[in-house]
Amino acid sequence: DVGDSLTAIKKLVFEEKKITMDQLCNALEKNFEGYDDLRQMLLKVPKFGNDDDYADEQTAWVMHTLCQEAIKHKNTRGGVKIPVHIPLSSYVRGGWPIGALPSGRLAGEPLSDSIAPTRGSDVSGPTAILKSVGKIDNAEVFAGITFNMRLDPLIFKDEYGFKRMADLIRTFVDQKMHHIQFNVVSSDTLKAAQKEPDKYKDLVVRVAGYVARFVELPTKIQDSIITRTVHGL
């Protein structure tokens, strides 16, 4: 969210000068009410997760700056603070008190899920996402990064799909990333589980570094999983 917001400010305010900072701040204060055209401009700015250097460099800079600053400080026991990017499910409730952002995100919406792109902004496929995440120095985040990806179950209907999956995992290794986990379940199945939980008590999903029974998760967490982009290969 921070990287995408900085990219939007850089492009529309400073480079193209299509909007002023005052206009942007006013729109954010009103949660874009009456500023839909401006919000659409923000949403169209390149976003992290599409192997676009223009967008990716902002997120990489934010992560580098955060990690370098963190290790300058001591914890309560005198040790060095260790950078970590594992929000588990806090990205949902963490977004509740946060207002609208220059990325186009509305007030109260979930934040991005750890290092994963903002939901719906990753439109160039799973390989592009891995290449974007690979531009971040994962080694700087000592305690690790979680990265969730949803895949279409139809990928595995034939041998070709399994080969493509193997290629994707090789790309993950080549990018020297910390972590990746997959949910291979359709949106239809997840929505059906919400409506009739008794029929889906054994449905397990990966949330963020851990697995849980889908029907036992809070509704907002369920919704956040459903809205993750579903990728083919």
C-alpha atoms as a PDB file:
ATOM      1  CA  ASP A   1       0.000   0.000   0.000  1.00  0.00           C
ATOM      2  CA  VAL A   2       2.787   2.432   0.860  1.00  0.00           C
ATOM      3  CA  GLY A   3       4.724   1.663  -2.317  1.00  0.00           C
ATOM      4  CA  ASP A   4       1.657   1.993  -4.548  1.00  0.00           C
ATOM      5  CA  SER A   5       0.700   5.240  -2.812  1.00  0.00           C
ATOM      6  CA  LEU A   6       4.148   6.735  -3.337  1.00  0.00           C
ATOM      7  CA  THR A   7       4.076   5.668  -6.988  1.00  0.00           C
ATOM      8  CA  ALA A   8       0.738   7.436  -7.481  1.00  0.00           C
ATOM      9  CA  ILE A   9       1.995  10.636  -5.851  1.00  0.00           C
ATOM     10  CA  LYS A  10       5.213  10.560  -7.855  1.00  0.00           C
ATOM     11  CA  LYS A  11       3.442  10.055 -11.176  1.00  0.00           C
ATOM     12  CA  LEU A  12       0.315  12.199 -10.907  1.00  0.00           C
ATOM     13  CA  VAL A  13       1.469  15.007  -8.596  1.00  0.00           C
ATOM     14  CA  PHE A  14       5.145  15.511  -9.383  1.00  0.00           C
ATOM     15  CA  GLU A  15       5.769  14.122 -12.865  1.00  0.00           C
ATOM     16  CA  GLU A  16       2.560  14.524 -14.854  1.00  0.00           C
ATOM     17  CA  LYS A  17       1.152  17.275 -12.590  1.00  0.00           C
ATOM     18  CA  LYS A  18      -2.413  16.120 -13.305  1.00  0.00           C
ATOM     19  CA  ILE A  19      -3.453  16.761  -9.711  1.00  0.00           C
ATOM     20  CA  THR A  20      -2.140  18.849  -6.844  1.00  0.00           C
ATOM     21  CA  MET A  21      -1.259  17.588  -3.393  1.00  0.00           C
ATOM     22  CA  ASP A  22      -4.084  19.708  -1.961  1.00  0.00           C
ATOM     23  CA  GLN A  23      -6.587  18.046  -4.318  1.00  0.00           C
ATOM     24  CA  LEU A  24      -5.305  14.626  -3.318  1.00  0.00           C
ATOM     25  CA  CYS A  25      -5.469  15.380   0.408  1.00  0.00           C
ATOM     26  CA  ASN A  26      -9.016  16.715   0.088  1.00  0.00           C
ATOM     27  CA  ALA A  27     -10.070  13.572  -1.787  1.00  0.00           C
ATOM     28  CA  LEU A  28      -8.503  11.341   0.874  1.00  0.00           C
ATOM     29  CA  GLU A  29     -10.204  13.233   3.709  1.00  0.00           C
ATOM     30  CA  LYS A  30     -13.578  12.657   2.028  1.00  0.00           C
ATOM     31  CA  ASN A  31     -12.804   9.013   1.201  1.00  0.00           C
ATOM     32  CA  PHE A  32     -13.058   9.960  -2.486  1.00  0.00           C
ATOM     33  CA  GLU A  33     -16.717  10.956  -2.127  1.00  0.00           C
ATOM     34  CA  GLY A  34     -17.236  13.366  -5.023  1.00  0.00           C
ATOM     35  CA  TYR A  35     -13.764  12.514  -6.357  1.00  0.00           C
ATOM     36  CA  ASP A  36     -14.446   9.322  -8.284  1.00  0.00           C
ATOM     37  CA  ASP A  37     -12.647  10.559 -11.423  1.00  0.00           C
ATOM     38  CA  LEU A  38      -9.544  11.297  -9.359  1.00  0.00           C
ATOM     39  CA  ARG A  39      -9.738   7.880  -7.718  1.00  0.00           C
ATOM     40  CA  GLN A  40      -9.937   6.186 -11.106  1.00  0.00           C
ATOM     41  CA  MET A  41      -6.766   8.035 -12.130  1.00  0.00           C
ATOM     42  CA  LEU A  42      -5.028   6.729  -9.016  1.00  0.00           C
ATOM     43  CA  LEU A  43      -6.197   3.172  -9.637  1.00  0.00           C
ATOM     44  CA  LYS A  44      -4.790   3.262 -13.173  1.00  0.00           C
ATOM     45  CA  VAL A  45      -1.276   4.156 -12.006  1.00  0.00           C
ATOM     46  CA  PRO A  46       1.120   1.160 -12.340  1.00  0.00           C
ATOM     47  CA  LYS A  47       0.929  -1.100  -9.298  1.00  0.00           C
ATOM     48  CA  PHE A  48       3.387  -3.406  -7.557  1.00  0.00           C
ATOM     49  CA  GLY A  49       3.115  -7.035  -8.636  1.00  0.00           C
ATOM     50  CA  ASN A  50       3.184  -6.686 -12.419  1.00  0.00           C
ATOM     51  CA  ASP A  51       6.953  -6.755 -13.045  1.00  0.00           C
ATOM     52  CA  ASP A  52       6.846  -3.018 -13.753  1.00  0.00           C
ATOM     53  CA  ASP A  53      10.056  -1.368 -12.592  1.00  0.00           C
ATOM     54  CA  TYR A  54       8.373   2.025 -12.256  1.00  0.00           C
ATOM     55  CA  ALA A  55       5.990   0.692  -9.598  1.00  0.00           C
ATOM     56  CA  ASP A  56       8.216  -1.969  -8.084  1.00  0.00           C
ATOM     57  CA  GLU A  57      11.085   0.379  -7.255  1.00  0.00           C
ATOM     58  CA  GLN A  58       8.912   2.302  -4.789  1.00  0.00           C
ATOM     59  CA  THR A  59       7.945  -0.804  -2.824  1.00  0.00           C
ATOM     60  CA  ALA A  60      11.537  -2.056  -2.890  1.00  0.00           C
ATOM     61  CA  TRP A  61      12.725   1.317  -1.566  1.00  0.00           C
ATOM     62  CA  VAL A  62      10.132   1.306   1.223  1.00  0.00           C
ATOM     63  CA  MET A  63      11.125  -2.194   2.340  1.00  0.00           C
ATOM     64  CA  HIS A  64      14.849  -1.389   2.201  1.00  0.00           C
ATOM     65  CA  THR A  65      14.392   1.835   4.168  1.00  0.00           C
ATOM     66  CA  LEU A  66      12.225   0.117   6.784  1.00  0.00           C
ATOM     67  CA  CYS A  67      14.710  -2.709   7.306  1.00  0.00           C
ATOM     68  CA  GLN A  68      17.729  -0.406   7.511  1.00  0.00           C
ATOM     69  CA  GLU A  69      15.985   1.831  10.030  1.00  0.00           C
ATOM     70  CA  ALA A  70      14.718  -1.053  12.167  1.00  0.00           C
ATOM     71  CA  ILE A  71      18.151  -2.494  12.866  1.00  0.00           C
ATOM     72  CA  LYS A  72      19.348   0.877  14.198  1.00  0.00           C
ATOM     73  CA  HIS A  73      17.111   0.494  17.235  1.00  0.00           C
ATOM     74  CA  LYS A  74      17.369  -1.688  20.323  1.00  0.00           C
ATOM     75  CA  ASN A  75      14.611  -3.841  21.723  1.00  0.00           C
ATOM     76  CA  THR A  76      13.640  -3.875  25.408  1.00  0.00           C
ATOM     77  CA  ARG A  77      16.355  -6.439  26.197  1.00  0.00           C
ATOM     78  CA  GLY A  78      19.108  -4.488  24.486  1.00  0.00           C
ATOM     79  CA  GLY A  79      19.183  -6.569  21.326  1.00  0.00           C
ATOM     80  CA  VAL A  80      18.773  -5.409  17.747  1.00  0.00           C
ATOM     81  CA  LYS A  81      15.253  -5.144  16.366  1.00  0.00           C
ATOM     82  CA  ILE A  82      14.738  -7.721  13.633  1.00  0.00           C
ATOM     83  CA  PRO A  83      12.728  -6.826  10.507  1.00  0.00           C
ATOM     84  CA  VAL A  84       9.794  -9.137   9.846  1.00  0.00           C
ATOM     85  CA  HIS A  85       6.899  -8.950   7.406  1.00  0.00           C
ATOM     86  CA  ILE A  86       4.426 -11.572   8.607  1.00  0.00           C
ATOM     87  CA  PRO A  87       1.098  -9.853   9.391  1.00  0.00           C
ATOM     88  CA  LEU A  88      -0.870 -13.126   9.646  1.00  0.00           C
ATOM     89  CA  SER A  89      -4.474 -11.887   9.485  1.00  0.00           C
ATOM     90  CA  SER A  90      -3.832  -8.432  10.971  1.00  0.00           C
ATOM     91  CA  TYR A  91      -3.824  -6.852   7.511  1.00  0.00           C
ATOM     92  CA  VAL A  92      -7.640  -7.020   7.663  1.00  0.00           C
ATOM     93  CA  ARG A  93      -8.297  -5.441  11.065  1.00  0.00           C
ATOM     94  CA  GLY A  94      -5.225  -3.244  10.610  1.00  0.00           C
ATOM     95  CA  GLY A  95      -7.009  -1.534   7.756  1.00  0.00           C
ATOM     96  CA  TRP A  96     -10.138  -0.678   9.756  1.00  0.00           C
ATOM     97  CA  PRO A  97      -8.833   2.578  11.329  1.00  0.00           C
ATOM     98  CA  ILE A  98      -6.798   3.666   8.305  1.00  0.00           C
ATOM     99  CA  GLY A  99      -8.304   6.236   5.959  1.00  0.00           C
ATOM    100  CA  ALA A 100      -8.239   6.337   2.180  1.00  0.00           C
ATOM    101  CA  LEU A 101      -4.823   6.061   0.535  1.00  0.00           C
ATOM    102  CA  PRO A 102      -3.273   7.616  -2.596  1.00  0.00           C
ATOM    103  CA  SER A 103      -3.193   4.127  -4.114  1.00  0.00           C
ATOM    104  CA  GLY A 104      -6.972   4.404  -4.510  1.00  0.00           C
ATOM    105  CA  ARG A 105      -7.763   2.184  -1.534  1.00  0.00           C
ATOM    106  CA  LEU A 106     -10.902   3.239   0.347  1.00  0.00           C
ATOM    107  CA  ALA A 107     -11.006   3.881   4.092  1.00  0.00           C
ATOM    108  CA  GLY A 108     -11.409   0.793   6.243  1.00  0.00           C
ATOM    109  CA  GLU A 109     -10.579  -1.704   3.516  1.00  0.00           C
ATOM    110  CA  PRO A 110      -8.019  -4.454   4.247  1.00  0.00           C
ATOM    111  CA  LEU A 111      -4.406  -3.554   3.655  1.00  0.00           C
ATOM    112  CA  SER A 112      -2.284  -5.579   1.270  1.00  0.00           C
ATOM    113  CA  ASP A 113      -1.566  -9.094   2.528  1.00  0.00           C
ATOM    114  CA  SER A 114       2.079  -8.962   3.607  1.00  0.00           C
ATOM    115  CA  ILE A 115       4.230  -8.604   0.482  1.00  0.00           C
ATOM    116  CA  ALA A 116       1.469  -9.700  -1.885  1.00  0.00           C
ATOM    117  CA  PRO A 117       0.128  -7.073  -4.303  1.00  0.00           C
ATOM    118  CA  THR A 118      -3.042  -5.228  -3.406  1.00  0.00           C
ATOM    119  CA  ARG A 119      -6.052  -7.389  -4.233  1.00  0.00           C
ATOM    120  CA  GLY A 120      -7.077  -6.979  -7.855  1.00  0.00           C
ATOM    121  CA  SER A 121      -4.020  -4.965  -8.883  1.00  0.00           C
ATOM    122  CA  ASP A 122      -1.917  -7.958  -9.972  1.00  0.00           C
ATOM    123  CA  VAL A 123      -3.114  -8.351 -13.555  1.00  0.00           C
ATOM    124  CA  SER A 124      -0.007  -9.674 -15.314  1.00  0.00           C
ATOM    125  CA  GLY A 125       0.059 -13.237 -14.017  1.00  0.00           C
ATOM    126  CA  PRO A 126       1.870 -15.150 -11.264  1.00  0.00           C
ATOM    127  CA  THR A 127       5.335 -15.032 -12.838  1.00  0.00           C
ATOM    128  CA  ALA A 128       5.196 -11.238 -12.955  1.00  0.00           C
ATOM    129  CA  ILE A 129       4.293 -11.160  -9.258  1.00  0.00           C
ATOM    130  CA  LEU A 130       7.291 -13.305  -8.341  1.00  0.00           C
ATOM    131  CA  LYS A 131       9.589 -11.048 -10.348  1.00  0.00           C
ATOM    132  CA  SER A 132       8.225  -7.995  -8.551  1.00  0.00           C
ATOM    133  CA  VAL A 133       8.707  -9.557  -5.120  1.00  0.00           C
ATOM    134  CA  GLY A 134      12.170 -10.685  -6.212  1.00  0.00           C
ATOM    135  CA  LYS A 135      13.194  -7.040  -6.675  1.00  0.00           C
ATOM    136  CA  ILE A 136      12.945  -6.656  -2.916  1.00  0.00           C
ATOM    137  CA  ASP A 137      16.019  -7.801  -1.015  1.00  0.00           C
ATOM    138  CA  ASN A 138      14.317 -10.614   0.885  1.00  0.00           C
ATOM    139  CA  ALA A 139      17.519 -11.240   2.850  1.00  0.00           C
ATOM    140  CA  GLU A 140      17.119  -7.870   4.589  1.00  0.00           C
ATOM    141  CA  VAL A 141      13.912  -9.066   6.217  1.00  0.00           C
ATOM    142  CA  PHE A 142      15.728 -11.358   8.659  1.00  0.00           C
ATOM    143  CA  ALA A 143      12.676 -12.965  10.244  1.00  0.00           C
ATOM    144  CA  GLY A 144      10.948 -13.651   6.958  1.00  0.00           C
ATOM    145  CA  ILE A 145       8.157 -12.589   4.617  1.00  0.00           C
ATOM    146  CA  THR A 146       4.885 -14.353   3.949  1.00  0.00           C
ATOM    147  CA  PHE A 147       3.484 -14.446   0.439  1.00  0.00           C
ATOM    148  CA  ASN A 148       0.082 -15.904  -0.414  1.00  0.00           C
ATOM    149  CA  MET A 149      -1.107 -16.788  -3.909  1.00  0.00           C
ATOM    150  CA  ARG A 150      -4.390 -18.272  -5.099  1.00  0.00           C
ATOM    151  CA  LEU A 151      -4.369 -20.635  -8.061  1.00  0.00           C
ATOM    152  CA  ASP A 152      -7.208 -21.904 -10.222  1.00  0.00           C
ATOM    153  CA  PRO A 153      -7.832 -25.610  -9.464  1.00  0.00           C
ATOM    154  CA  LEU A 154      -8.314 -26.221 -13.199  1.00  0.00           C
ATOM    155  CA  ILE A 155      -4.560 -25.785 -13.606  1.00  0.00           C
ATOM    156  CA  PHE A 156      -4.104 -29.348 -12.419  1.00  0.00           C
ATOM    157  CA  LYS A 157      -6.521 -31.009 -14.803  1.00  0.00           C
ATOM    158  CA  ASP A 158      -3.675 -32.307 -16.984  1.00  0.00           C
ATOM    159  CA  GLU A 159       0.069 -32.981 -16.999  1.00  0.00           C
ATOM    160  CA  TYR A 160       0.807 -29.661 -18.703  1.00  0.00           C
ATOM    161  CA  GLY A 161      -0.577 -27.817 -15.701  1.00  0.00           C
ATOM    162  CA  PHE A 162       1.728 -29.678 -13.318  1.00  0.00           C
ATOM    163  CA  LYS A 163       4.714 -28.796 -15.506  1.00  0.00           C
ATOM    164  CA  ARG A 164       3.716 -25.139 -15.475  1.00  0.00           C
ATOM    165  CA  MET A 165       3.429 -25.299 -11.695  1.00  0.00           C
ATOM    166  CA  ALA A 166       6.938 -26.739 -11.477  1.00  0.00           C
ATOM    167  CA  ASP A 167       8.174 -23.856 -13.645  1.00  0.00           C
ATOM    168  CA  LEU A 168       6.497 -21.358 -11.321  1.00  0.00           C
ATOM    169  CA  ILE A 169       8.209 -22.861  -8.273  1.00  0.00           C
ATOM    170  CA  ARG A 170      11.558 -22.746 -10.089  1.00  0.00           C
ATOM    171  CA  THR A 171      10.966 -19.052 -10.743  1.00  0.00           C
ATOM    172  CA  PHE A 172      10.251 -18.579  -7.032  1.00  0.00           C
ATOM    173  CA  VAL A 173      13.598 -20.199  -6.198  1.00  0.00           C
ATOM    174  CA  ASP A 174      15.433 -18.156  -8.844  1.00  0.00           C
ATOM    175  CA  GLN A 175      14.069 -14.928  -7.347  1.00  0.00           C
ATOM    176  CA  LYS A 176      15.589 -15.861  -3.954  1.00  0.00           C
ATOM    177  CA  MET A 177      12.337 -15.281  -2.124  1.00  0.00           C
ATOM    178  CA  HIS A 178      11.733 -16.298   1.496  1.00  0.00           C
ATOM    179  CA  HIS A 179       8.339 -17.913   1.307  1.00  0.00           C
ATOM    180  CA  ILE A 180       5.316 -18.718  -0.818  1.00  0.00           C
ATOM    181  CA  GLN A 181       2.140 -20.645  -0.103  1.00  0.00           C
ATOM    182  CA  PHE A 182      -0.754 -21.515  -2.383  1.00  0.00           C
ATOM    183  CA  ASN A 183      -4.490 -21.808  -2.006  1.00  0.00           C
ATOM    184  CA  VAL A 184      -5.851 -24.023  -4.770  1.00  0.00           C
ATOM    185  CA  VAL A 185      -9.584 -23.634  -4.316  1.00  0.00           C
ATOM    186  CA  SER A 186     -12.244 -21.913  -6.397  1.00  0.00           C
ATOM    187  CA  SER A 187     -14.159 -18.816  -5.340  1.00  0.00           C
ATOM    188  CA  ASP A 188     -17.377 -20.741  -5.906  1.00  0.00           C
ATOM    189  CA  THR A 189     -16.332 -23.310  -3.300  1.00  0.00           C
ATOM    190  CA  LEU A 190     -15.389 -20.635  -0.771  1.00  0.00           C
ATOM    191  CA  LYS A 191     -18.644 -18.744  -1.279  1.00  0.00           C
ATOM    192  CA  ALA A 192     -20.615 -21.968  -0.946  1.00  0.00           C
ATOM    193  CA  ALA A 193     -18.804 -22.666   2.330  1.00  0.00           C
ATOM    194  CA  GLN A 194     -19.877 -19.265   3.628  1.00  0.00           C
ATOM    195  CA  LYS A 195     -23.510 -20.022   2.852  1.00  0.00           C
ATOM    196  CA  GLU A 196     -23.541 -23.623   4.098  1.00  0.00           C
ATOM    197  CA  PRO A 197     -20.675 -24.016   6.591  1.00  0.00           C
ATOM    198  CA  ASP A 198     -21.932 -27.372   7.878  1.00  0.00           C
ATOM    199  CA  LYS A 199     -21.195 -28.933   4.493  1.00  0.00           C
ATOM    200  CA  TYR A 200     -17.617 -27.630   4.388  1.00  0.00           C
ATOM    201  CA  LYS A 201     -16.247 -28.283   7.874  1.00  0.00           C
ATOM    202  CA  ASP A 202     -13.169 -29.990   6.402  1.00  0.00           C
ATOM    203  CA  LEU A 203     -12.272 -27.165   3.984  1.00  0.00           C
ATOM    204  CA  VAL A 204      -8.783 -25.968   4.938  1.00  0.00           C
ATOM    205  CA  VAL A 205      -7.159 -22.803   3.578  1.00  0.00           C
ATOM    206  CA  ARG A 206      -3.822 -21.113   4.012  1.00  0.00           C
ATOM    207  CA  VAL A 207      -4.274 -17.757   5.699  1.00  0.00           C
ATOM    208  CA  ALA A 208      -0.801 -16.291   6.183  1.00  0.00           C
ATOM    209  CA  GLY A 209       1.925 -18.636   7.316  1.00  0.00           C
ATOM    210  CA  TYR A 210      -0.614 -21.004   8.844  1.00  0.00           C
ATOM    211  CA  VAL A 211      -3.641 -23.047   7.813  1.00  0.00           C
ATOM    212  CA  ALA A 212      -7.138 -22.950   9.255  1.00  0.00           C
ATOM    213  CA  ARG A 213     -10.579 -24.379   8.667  1.00  0.00           C
ATOM    214  CA  PHE A 214     -12.243 -21.856   6.399  1.00  0.00           C
ATOM    215  CA  VAL A 215     -15.649 -21.948   8.088  1.00  0.00           C
ATOM    216  CA  GLU A 216     -14.092 -21.172  11.489  1.00  0.00           C
ATOM    217  CA  LEU A 217     -12.481 -17.943  10.300  1.00  0.00           C
ATOM    218  CA  PRO A 218     -14.160 -14.558  10.901  1.00  0.00           C
ATOM    219  CA  THR A 219     -16.259 -13.419   7.949  1.00  0.00           C
ATOM    220  CA  LYS A 220     -13.950 -10.512   7.123  1.00  0.00           C
ATOM    221  CA  ILE A 221     -10.973 -12.876   6.918  1.00  0.00           C
ATOM    222  CA  GLN A 222     -13.002 -15.211   4.709  1.00  0.00           C
ATOM    223  CA  ASP A 223     -13.900 -12.290   2.450  1.00  0.00           C
ATOM    224  CA  SER A 224     -10.273 -11.203   2.205  1.00  0.00           C
ATOM    225  CA  ILE A 225      -9.264 -14.690   1.042  1.00  0.00           C
ATOM    226  CA  ILE A 226     -12.064 -14.790  -1.522  1.00  0.00           C
ATOM    227  CA  THR A 227     -11.018 -11.434  -2.988  1.00  0.00           C
ATOM    228  CA  ARG A 228      -7.414 -12.516  -3.555  1.00  0.00           C
ATOM    229  CA  THR A 229      -6.700 -12.676  -7.275  1.00  0.00           C
ATOM    230  CA  VAL A 230      -7.090 -16.180  -8.719  1.00  0.00           C
ATOM    231  CA  HIS A 231      -4.278 -16.982 -11.142  1.00  0.00           C
ATOM    232  CA  GLY A 232      -3.988 -19.424 -13.996  1.00  0.00           C
ATOM    233  CA  LEU A 233      -0.735 -20.672 -15.487  1.00  0.00           C
END
